[in-house]
């Protein structure tokens, strides 16, 4: 069984930082945790990426908000370039062909 966790601050989990949420998910799911998702680029910190690498956990980040909006509405690829440079393993988008083209530039 593979595990996946959404790593974001939550009133439900009563945690205020992404590292606490990540560690709690890792402790709860254990070695079955294969991927974790952060909602915003600012949550994709070097500390989180290093810890995920130690555990062999792929990190994903969503580009559905400002990145896709900028690309779709104004053709601005800058936010997606920044997202792709952030170092995540998986990216979520509603514009996959355009994002792949940016990645391959």
N, C-alpha and C. Protein backbone atom coordinates (compact mmCIF):
# COMPACT_ATOMS: atom_id res chain seq x y z
N UNK A 1 0.85 -1.17 0.00
CA UNK A 1 0.00 0.00 0.00
C UNK A 1 0.90 1.24 0.00
N UNK A 2 0.60 2.18 -0.87
CA UNK A 2 1.35 3.42 -0.94
C UNK A 2 0.58 4.52 -0.22
N UNK A 3 1.31 5.38 0.46
CA UNK A 3 0.69 6.48 1.18
C UNK A 3 0.99 7.82 0.52
N UNK A 4 0.06 8.74 0.65
CA UNK A 4 0.16 10.10 0.12
C UNK A 4 -0.37 11.04 1.18
N UNK A 5 0.31 12.15 1.40
CA UNK A 5 -0.14 13.09 2.43
C UNK A 5 -0.16 14.51 1.88
N UNK A 6 -1.18 15.25 2.26
CA UNK A 6 -1.25 16.69 1.96
C UNK A 6 -0.58 17.41 3.13
N UNK A 7 0.50 18.12 2.83
CA UNK A 7 1.27 18.79 3.87
C UNK A 7 0.90 20.27 3.86
N UNK A 8 -0.06 20.61 4.70
CA UNK A 8 -0.45 22.02 4.83
C UNK A 8 -0.95 22.26 6.23
N UNK A 9 -0.80 23.50 6.64
CA UNK A 9 -1.27 23.87 7.98
C UNK A 9 -2.76 23.69 8.05
N UNK A 10 -3.22 23.27 9.21
CA UNK A 10 -4.63 22.93 9.34
C UNK A 10 -5.13 23.19 10.75
N UNK A 11 -6.35 23.68 10.84
CA UNK A 11 -6.98 23.80 12.16
C UNK A 11 -7.27 22.42 12.73
N UNK A 12 -7.53 21.47 11.85
CA UNK A 12 -7.84 20.12 12.29
C UNK A 12 -6.63 19.48 12.97
N UNK A 13 -5.46 19.62 12.34
CA UNK A 13 -4.26 19.01 12.91
C UNK A 13 -3.62 19.90 13.96
N UNK A 14 -4.06 21.15 14.06
CA UNK A 14 -3.54 22.10 15.04
C UNK A 14 -2.03 22.24 14.94
N UNK A 15 -1.52 22.24 13.72
CA UNK A 15 -0.09 22.43 13.50
C UNK A 15 0.12 23.69 12.70
N UNK A 16 1.18 24.41 13.02
CA UNK A 16 1.38 25.71 12.41
C UNK A 16 2.51 25.74 11.39
N UNK A 17 3.25 24.66 11.22
CA UNK A 17 4.32 24.69 10.22
C UNK A 17 4.34 23.39 9.43
N UNK A 18 4.82 23.49 8.20
CA UNK A 18 4.78 22.34 7.31
C UNK A 18 5.67 21.20 7.78
N UNK A 19 6.78 21.50 8.44
CA UNK A 19 7.65 20.43 8.93
C UNK A 19 6.94 19.57 9.97
N UNK A 20 6.17 20.20 10.86
CA UNK A 20 5.42 19.44 11.86
C UNK A 20 4.39 18.54 11.20
N UNK A 21 3.70 19.08 10.20
CA UNK A 21 2.70 18.29 9.48
C UNK A 21 3.37 17.13 8.75
N UNK A 22 4.50 17.42 8.10
CA UNK A 22 5.24 16.38 7.38
C UNK A 22 5.69 15.27 8.33
N UNK A 23 6.29 15.65 9.44
CA UNK A 23 6.78 14.65 10.40
C UNK A 23 5.63 13.82 10.98
N UNK A 24 4.50 14.47 11.25
CA UNK A 24 3.34 13.73 11.76
C UNK A 24 2.84 12.73 10.73
N UNK A 25 2.77 13.16 9.47
CA UNK A 25 2.34 12.25 8.40
C UNK A 25 3.32 11.09 8.27
N UNK A 26 4.60 11.39 8.32
CA UNK A 26 5.63 10.35 8.21
C UNK A 26 5.53 9.37 9.39
N UNK A 27 5.34 9.89 10.58
CA UNK A 27 5.21 9.03 11.76
C UNK A 27 3.95 8.17 11.68
N UNK A 28 2.88 8.74 11.16
CA UNK A 28 1.60 8.03 11.09
C UNK A 28 1.59 6.97 9.99
N UNK A 29 2.06 7.34 8.82
CA UNK A 29 2.01 6.45 7.66
C UNK A 29 3.26 5.57 7.57
N UNK A 30 4.35 6.05 8.13
CA UNK A 30 5.59 5.28 8.14
C UNK A 30 6.19 5.12 6.76
N UNK A 31 6.78 3.96 6.53
CA UNK A 31 7.46 3.70 5.27
C UNK A 31 6.54 3.61 4.06
N UNK A 32 5.25 3.61 4.29
CA UNK A 32 4.29 3.57 3.17
C UNK A 32 4.11 4.94 2.53
N UNK A 33 4.59 6.00 3.20
CA UNK A 33 4.45 7.35 2.65
C UNK A 33 5.43 7.52 1.50
N UNK A 34 4.90 7.61 0.30
CA UNK A 34 5.73 7.72 -0.90
C UNK A 34 5.73 9.11 -1.50
N UNK A 35 4.68 9.89 -1.24
CA UNK A 35 4.58 11.23 -1.81
C UNK A 35 3.85 12.15 -0.84
N UNK A 36 4.27 13.40 -0.85
CA UNK A 36 3.63 14.42 -0.02
C UNK A 36 3.44 15.67 -0.86
N UNK A 37 2.36 16.37 -0.62
CA UNK A 37 2.00 17.53 -1.43
C UNK A 37 1.96 18.80 -0.58
N UNK A 38 2.57 19.87 -1.10
CA UNK A 38 2.44 21.19 -0.49
C UNK A 38 1.64 22.06 -1.44
N UNK A 39 0.85 22.97 -0.89
CA UNK A 39 -0.02 23.81 -1.73
C UNK A 39 0.71 24.99 -2.36
N UNK A 40 1.72 25.51 -1.68
CA UNK A 40 2.35 26.75 -2.12
C UNK A 40 3.87 26.59 -2.19
N UNK A 41 4.48 27.28 -3.13
CA UNK A 41 5.93 27.21 -3.29
C UNK A 41 6.67 27.59 -2.02
N UNK A 42 6.16 28.57 -1.28
CA UNK A 42 6.87 29.00 -0.07
C UNK A 42 6.94 27.88 0.97
N UNK A 43 6.07 26.88 0.86
CA UNK A 43 6.11 25.74 1.78
C UNK A 43 7.11 24.67 1.34
N UNK A 44 7.63 24.80 0.15
CA UNK A 44 8.61 23.85 -0.38
C UNK A 44 10.01 24.34 0.02
N UNK A 45 10.33 24.20 1.28
CA UNK A 45 11.58 24.72 1.83
C UNK A 45 12.72 23.72 1.61
N UNK A 46 13.95 24.22 1.71
CA UNK A 46 15.10 23.33 1.58
C UNK A 46 15.11 22.30 2.71
N UNK A 47 14.66 22.68 3.90
CA UNK A 47 14.58 21.74 5.02
C UNK A 47 13.60 20.60 4.70
N UNK A 48 12.44 20.96 4.17
CA UNK A 48 11.44 19.94 3.83
C UNK A 48 11.96 19.03 2.72
N UNK A 49 12.60 19.62 1.70
CA UNK A 49 13.12 18.80 0.60
C UNK A 49 14.22 17.86 1.09
N UNK A 50 15.08 18.33 1.99
CA UNK A 50 16.14 17.48 2.52
C UNK A 50 15.56 16.33 3.33
N UNK A 51 14.59 16.62 4.16
CA UNK A 51 13.97 15.58 4.99
C UNK A 51 13.25 14.56 4.11
N UNK A 52 12.54 15.03 3.09
CA UNK A 52 11.84 14.13 2.18
C UNK A 52 12.84 13.23 1.45
N UNK A 53 13.97 13.79 1.07
CA UNK A 53 14.98 12.99 0.38
C UNK A 53 15.53 11.89 1.29
N UNK A 54 15.76 12.21 2.56
CA UNK A 54 16.24 11.21 3.52
C UNK A 54 15.27 10.03 3.59
N UNK A 55 13.97 10.33 3.59
CA UNK A 55 12.95 9.29 3.70
C UNK A 55 12.57 8.67 2.35
N UNK A 56 13.07 9.23 1.25
CA UNK A 56 12.70 8.74 -0.07
C UNK A 56 11.28 9.08 -0.46
N UNK A 57 10.82 10.26 -0.03
CA UNK A 57 9.45 10.69 -0.30
C UNK A 57 9.46 11.77 -1.38
N UNK A 58 8.70 11.56 -2.44
CA UNK A 58 8.58 12.54 -3.51
C UNK A 58 7.70 13.69 -3.03
N UNK A 59 8.08 14.92 -3.40
CA UNK A 59 7.28 16.09 -3.04
C UNK A 59 6.60 16.66 -4.26
N UNK A 60 5.34 17.03 -4.09
CA UNK A 60 4.61 17.68 -5.18
C UNK A 60 4.17 19.06 -4.73
N UNK A 61 3.96 19.92 -5.73
CA UNK A 61 3.49 21.27 -5.46
C UNK A 61 2.44 21.62 -6.51
N UNK A 62 1.46 22.39 -6.11
CA UNK A 62 0.37 22.77 -7.01
C UNK A 62 0.70 24.05 -7.74
N UNK A 63 0.45 24.05 -9.02
CA UNK A 63 0.57 25.27 -9.81
C UNK A 63 -0.79 25.74 -10.29
N UNK A 64 -1.85 25.18 -9.70
CA UNK A 64 -3.20 25.51 -10.15
C UNK A 64 -3.57 26.96 -9.87
N UNK A 65 -2.93 27.61 -8.96
CA UNK A 65 -3.36 28.96 -8.60
C UNK A 65 -2.60 30.02 -9.37
N UNK A 66 -1.59 30.67 -8.79
CA UNK A 66 -0.97 31.79 -9.49
C UNK A 66 -0.22 31.39 -10.76
N UNK A 67 0.40 30.21 -10.75
CA UNK A 67 1.18 29.81 -11.92
C UNK A 67 0.29 29.57 -13.14
N UNK A 68 -0.74 28.76 -12.98
CA UNK A 68 -1.65 28.50 -14.11
C UNK A 68 -2.41 29.75 -14.51
N UNK A 69 -2.82 30.55 -13.54
CA UNK A 69 -3.56 31.78 -13.84
C UNK A 69 -2.71 32.71 -14.69
N UNK A 70 -1.46 32.93 -14.30
CA UNK A 70 -0.58 33.83 -15.06
C UNK A 70 -0.35 33.30 -16.47
N UNK A 71 -0.14 32.02 -16.59
CA UNK A 71 0.11 31.42 -17.90
C UNK A 71 -1.13 31.48 -18.79
N UNK A 72 -2.28 31.16 -18.25
CA UNK A 72 -3.51 31.13 -19.03
C UNK A 72 -4.02 32.51 -19.40
N UNK A 73 -3.96 33.44 -18.45
CA UNK A 73 -4.58 34.75 -18.68
C UNK A 73 -3.68 35.73 -19.41
N UNK A 74 -2.37 35.70 -19.14
CA UNK A 74 -1.48 36.69 -19.74
C UNK A 74 -0.31 36.09 -20.50
N UNK A 75 -0.19 34.76 -20.48
CA UNK A 75 0.93 34.11 -21.15
C UNK A 75 2.24 34.25 -20.39
N UNK A 76 2.18 34.69 -19.15
CA UNK A 76 3.38 34.90 -18.33
C UNK A 76 3.88 33.55 -17.80
N UNK A 77 5.01 33.10 -18.30
CA UNK A 77 5.59 31.83 -17.88
C UNK A 77 6.49 31.97 -16.65
N UNK A 78 6.74 33.20 -16.22
CA UNK A 78 7.63 33.44 -15.08
C UNK A 78 7.27 32.67 -13.82
N UNK A 79 6.01 32.72 -13.38
CA UNK A 79 5.66 31.96 -12.18
C UNK A 79 5.89 30.46 -12.33
N UNK A 80 5.65 29.92 -13.53
CA UNK A 80 5.91 28.49 -13.71
C UNK A 80 7.41 28.21 -13.75
N UNK A 81 8.21 29.10 -14.32
CA UNK A 81 9.67 28.91 -14.29
C UNK A 81 10.16 28.85 -12.85
N UNK A 82 9.64 29.75 -12.02
CA UNK A 82 10.01 29.76 -10.61
C UNK A 82 9.58 28.46 -9.93
N UNK A 83 8.38 28.01 -10.22
CA UNK A 83 7.89 26.76 -9.62
C UNK A 83 8.75 25.58 -10.04
N UNK A 84 9.08 25.50 -11.32
CA UNK A 84 9.88 24.38 -11.81
C UNK A 84 11.29 24.40 -11.24
N UNK A 85 11.80 25.58 -10.95
CA UNK A 85 13.14 25.70 -10.37
C UNK A 85 13.16 25.38 -8.88
N UNK A 86 11.99 25.26 -8.27
CA UNK A 86 11.90 25.06 -6.81
C UNK A 86 12.38 23.69 -6.36
N UNK A 87 12.39 22.72 -7.25
CA UNK A 87 12.94 21.42 -6.90
C UNK A 87 11.97 20.33 -6.50
N UNK A 88 10.68 20.53 -6.73
CA UNK A 88 9.71 19.46 -6.42
C UNK A 88 9.89 18.30 -7.40
N UNK A 89 9.36 17.17 -7.03
CA UNK A 89 9.41 15.99 -7.89
C UNK A 89 8.19 15.89 -8.79
N UNK A 90 7.06 16.45 -8.34
CA UNK A 90 5.78 16.35 -9.03
C UNK A 90 5.13 17.73 -9.03
N UNK A 91 4.54 18.11 -10.17
CA UNK A 91 3.84 19.40 -10.27
C UNK A 91 2.41 19.16 -10.74
N UNK A 92 1.46 19.85 -10.14
CA UNK A 92 0.05 19.76 -10.52
C UNK A 92 -0.30 20.99 -11.35
N UNK A 93 -0.94 20.76 -12.49
CA UNK A 93 -1.33 21.87 -13.36
C UNK A 93 -2.53 21.47 -14.21
N UNK A 94 -3.27 22.47 -14.65
CA UNK A 94 -4.35 22.22 -15.60
C UNK A 94 -3.89 22.52 -17.03
N UNK A 95 -2.60 22.87 -17.18
CA UNK A 95 -2.03 23.20 -18.48
C UNK A 95 -0.76 22.38 -18.74
N UNK A 96 -0.85 21.06 -18.71
CA UNK A 96 0.37 20.24 -18.76
C UNK A 96 1.24 20.44 -20.00
N UNK A 97 0.65 20.55 -21.17
CA UNK A 97 1.46 20.70 -22.38
C UNK A 97 2.26 22.00 -22.34
N UNK A 98 1.64 23.06 -21.87
CA UNK A 98 2.34 24.35 -21.81
C UNK A 98 3.43 24.33 -20.75
N UNK A 99 3.18 23.66 -19.63
CA UNK A 99 4.19 23.59 -18.57
C UNK A 99 5.37 22.73 -19.03
N UNK A 100 5.11 21.64 -19.72
CA UNK A 100 6.20 20.80 -20.25
C UNK A 100 7.03 21.61 -21.24
N UNK A 101 6.39 22.42 -22.07
CA UNK A 101 7.13 23.26 -23.02
C UNK A 101 8.03 24.25 -22.28
N UNK A 102 7.55 24.82 -21.19
CA UNK A 102 8.36 25.74 -20.39
C UNK A 102 9.53 24.98 -19.78
N UNK A 103 9.26 23.81 -19.24
CA UNK A 103 10.32 22.99 -18.64
C UNK A 103 11.41 22.66 -19.66
N UNK A 104 11.01 22.41 -20.90
CA UNK A 104 11.95 21.99 -21.94
C UNK A 104 12.65 23.14 -22.65
N UNK A 105 12.35 24.37 -22.28
CA UNK A 105 12.98 25.54 -22.93
C UNK A 105 14.49 25.51 -22.75
